[in-house]
Amino acid sequence: MKYIVIIVLIAFGAAPAMTGCKKKKSGVCYCKYLSGDKKEFDLTSLDRSRAEDSCAVLNRNASAFAGDCKLK
């Protein structure tokens, strides 16, 4: 009985760590693809308008692979 309680506590403690998501940073273009791949492109060195333009280009390129990119 003691071991079952320990296993349950470990399972509930490990679940949030495994499913945790990281906070999205401003100025980074996040891309998701149909295959499940995810990529991040750091555009923080660019000003906002250039970062938006660059992410739009990445979005057009990703659409050829059933992907979508968004600038945060």
PDB file of N, CA and C in Angstrom:
ATOM      1  N   MET A   1       0.823  -1.193   0.000  1.00  0.00           N
ATOM      2  CA  MET A   1       0.000   0.000   0.000  1.00  0.00           C
ATOM      3  C   MET A   1       0.866   1.257   0.000  1.00  0.00           C
ATOM      4  N   LYS A   2       1.937   1.188   0.766  1.00  0.00           N
ATOM      5  CA  LYS A   2       2.845   2.329   0.874  1.00  0.00           C
ATOM      6  C   LYS A   2       3.478   2.656  -0.482  1.00  0.00           C
ATOM      7  N   TYR A   3       3.836   1.620  -1.233  1.00  0.00           N
ATOM      8  CA  TYR A   3       4.465   1.817  -2.524  1.00  0.00           C
ATOM      9  C   TYR A   3       3.496   2.399  -3.555  1.00  0.00           C
ATOM     10  N   ILE A   4       2.250   2.023  -3.470  1.00  0.00           N
ATOM     11  CA  ILE A   4       1.237   2.547  -4.386  1.00  0.00           C
ATOM     12  C   ILE A   4       1.054   4.046  -4.155  1.00  0.00           C
ATOM     13  N   VAL A   5       1.030   4.456  -2.913  1.00  0.00           N
ATOM     14  CA  VAL A   5       0.888   5.872  -2.588  1.00  0.00           C
ATOM     15  C   VAL A   5       2.096   6.651  -3.113  1.00  0.00           C
ATOM     16  N   ILE A   6       3.281   6.115  -2.942  1.00  0.00           N
ATOM     17  CA  ILE A   6       4.495   6.771  -3.430  1.00  0.00           C
ATOM     18  C   ILE A   6       4.477   6.880  -4.945  1.00  0.00           C
ATOM     19  N   ILE A   7       4.072   5.825  -5.622  1.00  0.00           N
ATOM     20  CA  ILE A   7       4.014   5.842  -7.089  1.00  0.00           C
ATOM     21  C   ILE A   7       2.997   6.874  -7.581  1.00  0.00           C
ATOM     22  N   VAL A   8       1.857   6.947  -6.933  1.00  0.00           N
ATOM     23  CA  VAL A   8       0.833   7.918  -7.313  1.00  0.00           C
ATOM     24  C   VAL A   8       1.340   9.341  -7.098  1.00  0.00           C
ATOM     25  N   LEU A   9       2.000   9.590  -5.990  1.00  0.00           N
ATOM     26  CA  LEU A   9       2.543  10.923  -5.722  1.00  0.00           C
ATOM     27  C   LEU A   9       3.610  11.312  -6.751  1.00  0.00           C
ATOM     28  N   ILE A  10       4.457  10.377  -7.116  1.00  0.00           N
ATOM     29  CA  ILE A  10       5.473  10.646  -8.134  1.00  0.00           C
ATOM     30  C   ILE A  10       4.818  10.922  -9.477  1.00  0.00           C
ATOM     31  N   ALA A  11       3.792  10.148  -9.811  1.00  0.00           N
ATOM     32  CA  ALA A  11       3.108  10.339 -11.093  1.00  0.00           C
ATOM     33  C   ALA A  11       2.459  11.716 -11.169  1.00  0.00           C
ATOM     34  N   PHE A  12       1.795  12.129 -10.098  1.00  0.00           N
ATOM     35  CA  PHE A  12       1.152  13.440 -10.099  1.00  0.00           C
ATOM     36  C   PHE A  12       2.175  14.568 -10.051  1.00  0.00           C
ATOM     37  N   GLY A  13       3.316  14.335  -9.460  1.00  0.00           N
ATOM     38  CA  GLY A  13       4.369  15.349  -9.415  1.00  0.00           C
ATOM     39  C   GLY A  13       5.099  15.482 -10.737  1.00  0.00           C
ATOM     40  N   ALA A  14       5.240  14.379 -11.465  1.00  0.00           N
ATOM     41  CA  ALA A  14       5.969  14.391 -12.728  1.00  0.00           C
ATOM     42  C   ALA A  14       5.114  14.880 -13.887  1.00  0.00           C
ATOM     43  N   ALA A  15       3.810  14.718 -13.795  1.00  0.00           N
ATOM     44  CA  ALA A  15       2.935  15.101 -14.901  1.00  0.00           C
ATOM     45  C   ALA A  15       3.032  16.587 -15.250  1.00  0.00           C
ATOM     46  N   PRO A  16       2.982  17.515 -14.299  1.00  0.00           N
ATOM     47  CA  PRO A  16       3.108  18.930 -14.673  1.00  0.00           C
ATOM     48  C   PRO A  16       4.474  19.266 -15.264  1.00  0.00           C
ATOM     49  N   ALA A  17       5.501  18.610 -14.799  1.00  0.00           N
ATOM     50  CA  ALA A  17       6.837  18.880 -15.324  1.00  0.00           C
ATOM     51  C   ALA A  17       6.957  18.425 -16.776  1.00  0.00           C
ATOM     52  N   MET A  18       6.291  17.356 -17.117  1.00  0.00           N
ATOM     53  CA  MET A  18       6.371  16.832 -18.478  1.00  0.00           C
ATOM     54  C   MET A  18       5.487  17.608 -19.444  1.00  0.00           C
ATOM     55  N   THR A  19       4.406  18.170 -18.967  1.00  0.00           N
ATOM     56  CA  THR A  19       3.480  18.866 -19.851  1.00  0.00           C
ATOM     57  C   THR A  19       3.628  20.379 -19.776  1.00  0.00           C
ATOM     58  N   GLY A  20       4.583  20.863 -19.006  1.00  0.00           N
ATOM     59  CA  GLY A  20       4.770  22.304 -18.857  1.00  0.00           C
ATOM     60  C   GLY A  20       5.156  22.939 -20.186  1.00  0.00           C
ATOM     61  N   CYS A  21       4.697  24.149 -20.386  1.00  0.00           N
ATOM     62  CA  CYS A  21       5.049  24.853 -21.606  1.00  0.00           C
ATOM     63  C   CYS A  21       5.897  26.062 -21.239  1.00  0.00           C
ATOM     64  N   LYS A  22       6.753  26.425 -22.154  1.00  0.00           N
ATOM     65  CA  LYS A  22       7.586  27.576 -21.861  1.00  0.00           C
ATOM     66  C   LYS A  22       6.935  28.845 -22.388  1.00  0.00           C
ATOM     67  N   LYS A  23       7.221  29.922 -21.740  1.00  0.00           N
ATOM     68  CA  LYS A  23       6.629  31.202 -22.095  1.00  0.00           C
ATOM     69  C   LYS A  23       7.237  31.689 -23.404  1.00  0.00           C
ATOM     70  N   LYS A  24       6.392  32.182 -24.286  1.00  0.00           N
ATOM     71  CA  LYS A  24       6.862  32.663 -25.569  1.00  0.00           C
ATOM     72  C   LYS A  24       7.418  34.068 -25.428  1.00  0.00           C
ATOM     73  N   LYS A  25       8.583  34.290 -26.048  1.00  0.00           N
ATOM     74  CA  LYS A  25       9.253  35.569 -25.927  1.00  0.00           C
ATOM     75  C   LYS A  25       8.858  36.496 -27.076  1.00  0.00           C
ATOM     76  N   SER A  26       8.830  37.766 -26.789  1.00  0.00           N
ATOM     77  CA  SER A  26       8.528  38.779 -27.797  1.00  0.00           C
ATOM     78  C   SER A  26       9.682  38.876 -28.788  1.00  0.00           C
ATOM     79  N   GLY A  27       9.345  38.982 -30.069  1.00  0.00           N
ATOM     80  CA  GLY A  27      10.366  39.103 -31.107  1.00  0.00           C
ATOM     81  C   GLY A  27      10.839  37.778 -31.663  1.00  0.00           C
ATOM     82  N   VAL A  28      10.184  36.697 -31.282  1.00  0.00           N
ATOM     83  CA  VAL A  28      10.549  35.374 -31.782  1.00  0.00           C
ATOM     84  C   VAL A  28       9.413  34.877 -32.664  1.00  0.00           C
ATOM     85  N   CYS A  29       9.768  34.353 -33.843  1.00  0.00           N
ATOM     86  CA  CYS A  29       8.790  33.816 -34.782  1.00  0.00           C
ATOM     87  C   CYS A  29       8.677  32.307 -34.516  1.00  0.00           C
ATOM     88  N   TYR A  30       7.505  31.874 -34.092  1.00  0.00           N
ATOM     89  CA  TYR A  30       7.252  30.468 -33.764  1.00  0.00           C
ATOM     90  C   TYR A  30       6.524  29.809 -34.926  1.00  0.00           C
ATOM     91  N   CYS A  31       7.066  28.686 -35.401  1.00  0.00           N
ATOM     92  CA  CYS A  31       6.474  27.964 -36.531  1.00  0.00           C
ATOM     93  C   CYS A  31       6.074  26.559 -36.095  1.00  0.00           C
ATOM     94  N   LYS A  32       4.891  26.137 -36.540  1.00  0.00           N
ATOM     95  CA  LYS A  32       4.396  24.780 -36.306  1.00  0.00           C
ATOM     96  C   LYS A  32       4.082  24.168 -37.670  1.00  0.00           C
ATOM     97  N   TYR A  33       4.366  22.888 -37.809  1.00  0.00           N
ATOM     98  CA  TYR A  33       4.139  22.181 -39.063  1.00  0.00           C
ATOM     99  C   TYR A  33       3.181  21.012 -38.841  1.00  0.00           C
ATOM    100  N   LEU A  34       2.565  20.573 -39.919  1.00  0.00           N
ATOM    101  CA  LEU A  34       1.612  19.471 -39.858  1.00  0.00           C
ATOM    102  C   LEU A  34       2.252  18.208 -39.296  1.00  0.00           C
ATOM    103  N   SER A  35       3.527  18.004 -39.568  1.00  0.00           N
ATOM    104  CA  SER A  35       4.223  16.814 -39.083  1.00  0.00           C
ATOM    105  C   SER A  35       4.419  16.825 -37.568  1.00  0.00           C
ATOM    106  N   GLY A  36       4.160  17.976 -36.937  1.00  0.00           N
ATOM    107  CA  GLY A  36       4.342  18.084 -35.500  1.00  0.00           C
ATOM    108  C   GLY A  36       5.617  18.803 -35.113  1.00  0.00           C
ATOM    109  N   ASP A  37       6.464  19.086 -36.100  1.00  0.00           N
ATOM    110  CA  ASP A  37       7.703  19.814 -35.820  1.00  0.00           C
ATOM    111  C   ASP A  37       7.387  21.240 -35.406  1.00  0.00           C
ATOM    112  N   LYS A  38       8.232  21.781 -34.547  1.00  0.00           N
ATOM    113  CA  LYS A  38       8.120  23.170 -34.122  1.00  0.00           C
ATOM    114  C   LYS A  38       9.498  23.808 -34.225  1.00  0.00           C
ATOM    115  N   LYS A  39       9.524  25.030 -34.726  1.00  0.00           N
ATOM    116  CA  LYS A  39      10.787  25.756 -34.848  1.00  0.00           C
ATOM    117  C   LYS A  39      10.597  27.168 -34.335  1.00  0.00           C
ATOM    118  N   GLU A  40      11.691  27.725 -33.825  1.00  0.00           N
ATOM    119  CA  GLU A  40      11.694  29.097 -33.342  1.00  0.00           C
ATOM    120  C   GLU A  40      12.785  29.860 -34.076  1.00  0.00           C
ATOM    121  N   PHE A  41      12.462  31.054 -34.538  1.00  0.00           N
ATOM    122  CA  PHE A  41      13.423  31.913 -35.202  1.00  0.00           C
ATOM    123  C   PHE A  41      13.543  33.201 -34.402  1.00  0.00           C
ATOM    124  N   ASP A  42      14.740  33.451 -33.885  1.00  0.00           N
ATOM    125  CA  ASP A  42      14.980  34.614 -33.035  1.00  0.00           C
ATOM    126  C   ASP A  42      15.156  35.851 -33.912  1.00  0.00           C
ATOM    127  N   LEU A  43      14.183  36.743 -33.869  1.00  0.00           N
ATOM    128  CA  LEU A  43      14.222  37.981 -34.651  1.00  0.00           C
ATOM    129  C   LEU A  43      14.313  39.194 -33.726  1.00  0.00           C
ATOM    130  N   THR A  44      14.789  38.982 -32.512  1.00  0.00           N
ATOM    131  CA  THR A  44      14.847  40.062 -31.536  1.00  0.00           C
ATOM    132  C   THR A  44      15.850  41.138 -31.904  1.00  0.00           C
ATOM    133  N   SER A  45      16.813  40.827 -32.760  1.00  0.00           N
ATOM    134  CA  SER A  45      17.808  41.823 -33.149  1.00  0.00           C
ATOM    135  C   SER A  45      17.245  42.809 -34.177  1.00  0.00           C
ATOM    136  N   LEU A  46      16.080  42.497 -34.750  1.00  0.00           N
ATOM    137  CA  LEU A  46      15.453  43.368 -35.746  1.00  0.00           C
ATOM    138  C   LEU A  46      14.428  44.266 -35.083  1.00  0.00           C
ATOM    139  N   ASP A  47      14.148  45.413 -35.711  1.00  0.00           N
ATOM    140  CA  ASP A  47      13.056  46.233 -35.190  1.00  0.00           C
ATOM    141  C   ASP A  47      11.732  45.532 -35.504  1.00  0.00           C
ATOM    142  N   ARG A  48      10.655  45.992 -34.900  1.00  0.00           N
ATOM    143  CA  ARG A  48       9.373  45.280 -34.967  1.00  0.00           C
ATOM    144  C   ARG A  48       8.864  45.103 -36.401  1.00  0.00           C
ATOM    145  N   SER A  49       8.957  46.153 -37.231  1.00  0.00           N
ATOM    146  CA  SER A  49       8.419  46.054 -38.596  1.00  0.00           C
ATOM    147  C   SER A  49       9.226  45.066 -39.433  1.00  0.00           C
ATOM    148  N   ARG A  50      10.537  45.050 -39.258  1.00  0.00           N
ATOM    149  CA  ARG A  50      11.354  44.079 -40.007  1.00  0.00           C
ATOM    150  C   ARG A  50      11.126  42.668 -39.499  1.00  0.00           C
ATOM    151  N   ALA A  51      10.931  42.533 -38.202  1.00  0.00           N
ATOM    152  CA  ALA A  51      10.648  41.208 -37.639  1.00  0.00           C
ATOM    153  C   ALA A  51       9.321  40.682 -38.173  1.00  0.00           C
ATOM    154  N   GLU A  52       8.310  41.568 -38.281  1.00  0.00           N
ATOM    155  CA  GLU A  52       7.018  41.153 -38.834  1.00  0.00           C
ATOM    156  C   GLU A  52       7.158  40.727 -40.292  1.00  0.00           C
ATOM    157  N   ASP A  53       7.934  41.488 -41.066  1.00  0.00           N
ATOM    158  CA  ASP A  53       8.158  41.133 -42.474  1.00  0.00           C
ATOM    159  C   ASP A  53       8.890  39.803 -42.596  1.00  0.00           C
ATOM    160  N   SER A  54       9.908  39.598 -41.775  1.00  0.00           N
ATOM    161  CA  SER A  54      10.674  38.356 -41.833  1.00  0.00           C
ATOM    162  C   SER A  54       9.821  37.161 -41.424  1.00  0.00           C
ATOM    163  N   CYS A  55       8.991  37.337 -40.415  1.00  0.00           N
ATOM    164  CA  CYS A  55       8.124  36.248 -39.990  1.00  0.00           C
ATOM    165  C   CYS A  55       7.065  35.952 -41.057  1.00  0.00           C
ATOM    166  N   ALA A  56       6.623  36.987 -41.775  1.00  0.00           N
ATOM    167  CA  ALA A  56       5.664  36.774 -42.870  1.00  0.00           C
ATOM    168  C   ALA A  56       6.303  35.942 -43.980  1.00  0.00           C
ATOM    169  N   VAL A  57       7.577  36.189 -44.262  1.00  0.00           N
ATOM    170  CA  VAL A  57       8.292  35.387 -45.271  1.00  0.00           C
ATOM    171  C   VAL A  57       8.414  33.945 -44.784  1.00  0.00           C
ATOM    172  N   LEU A  58       8.764  33.770 -43.509  1.00  0.00           N
ATOM    173  CA  LEU A  58       8.859  32.419 -42.955  1.00  0.00           C
ATOM    174  C   LEU A  58       7.504  31.718 -42.999  1.00  0.00           C
ATOM    175  N   ASN A  59       6.440  32.471 -42.766  1.00  0.00           N
ATOM    176  CA  ASN A  59       5.093  31.905 -42.815  1.00  0.00           C
ATOM    177  C   ASN A  59       4.752  31.432 -44.226  1.00  0.00           C
ATOM    178  N   ARG A  60       5.111  32.226 -45.235  1.00  0.00           N
ATOM    179  CA  ARG A  60       4.861  31.801 -46.629  1.00  0.00           C
ATOM    180  C   ARG A  60       5.664  30.553 -46.958  1.00  0.00           C
ATOM    181  N   ASN A  61       6.911  30.496 -46.500  1.00  0.00           N
ATOM    182  CA  ASN A  61       7.736  29.312 -46.756  1.00  0.00           C
ATOM    183  C   ASN A  61       7.175  28.084 -46.019  1.00  0.00           C
ATOM    184  N   ALA A  62       6.702  28.287 -44.794  1.00  0.00           N
ATOM    185  CA  ALA A  62       6.172  27.174 -44.005  1.00  0.00           C
ATOM    186  C   ALA A  62       4.856  26.655 -44.580  1.00  0.00           C
ATOM    187  N   SER A  63       4.103  27.530 -45.233  1.00  0.00           N
ATOM    188  CA  SER A  63       2.816  27.096 -45.782  1.00  0.00           C
ATOM    189  C   SER A  63       2.993  26.029 -46.863  1.00  0.00           C
ATOM    190  N   ALA A  64       4.149  25.996 -47.499  1.00  0.00           N
ATOM    191  CA  ALA A  64       4.428  24.951 -48.491  1.00  0.00           C
ATOM    192  C   ALA A  64       4.525  23.573 -47.827  1.00  0.00           C
ATOM    193  N   PHE A  65       4.800  23.565 -46.519  1.00  0.00           N
ATOM    194  CA  PHE A  65       4.911  22.318 -45.769  1.00  0.00           C
ATOM    195  C   PHE A  65       3.776  22.198 -44.763  1.00  0.00           C
ATOM    196  N   ALA A  66       2.643  22.804 -45.060  1.00  0.00           N
ATOM    197  CA  ALA A  66       1.458  22.790 -44.192  1.00  0.00           C
ATOM    198  C   ALA A  66       1.816  23.322 -42.805  1.00  0.00           C
ATOM    199  N   GLY A  67       2.520  24.454 -42.790  1.00  0.00           N
ATOM    200  CA  GLY A  67       2.932  25.057 -41.539  1.00  0.00           C
ATOM    201  C   GLY A  67       2.368  26.440 -41.362  1.00  0.00           C
ATOM    202  N   ASP A  68       2.587  26.971 -40.178  1.00  0.00           N
ATOM    203  CA  ASP A  68       2.077  28.289 -39.827  1.00  0.00           C
ATOM    204  C   ASP A  68       3.080  28.938 -38.877  1.00  0.00           C
ATOM    205  N   CYS A  69       3.415  30.197 -39.137  1.00  0.00           N
ATOM    206  CA  CYS A  69       4.362  30.925 -38.279  1.00  0.00           C
ATOM    207  C   CYS A  69       3.690  32.183 -37.744  1.00  0.00           C
ATOM    208  N   LYS A  70       3.995  32.493 -36.480  1.00  0.00           N
ATOM    209  CA  LYS A  70       3.451  33.689 -35.845  1.00  0.00           C
ATOM    210  C   LYS A  70       4.532  34.368 -35.037  1.00  0.00           C
ATOM    211  N   LEU A  71       4.551  35.679 -35.095  1.00  0.00           N
ATOM    212  CA  LEU A  71       5.496  36.479 -34.337  1.00  0.00           C
ATOM    213  C   LEU A  71       4.863  36.869 -33.010  1.00  0.00           C
ATOM    214  N   LYS A  72       5.561  36.652 -31.953  1.00  0.00           N
ATOM    215  CA  LYS A  72       5.072  37.052 -30.622  1.00  0.00           C
ATOM    216  C   LYS A  72       5.767  38.311 -30.192  1.00  0.00           C
TER     217      LYS A  72
END
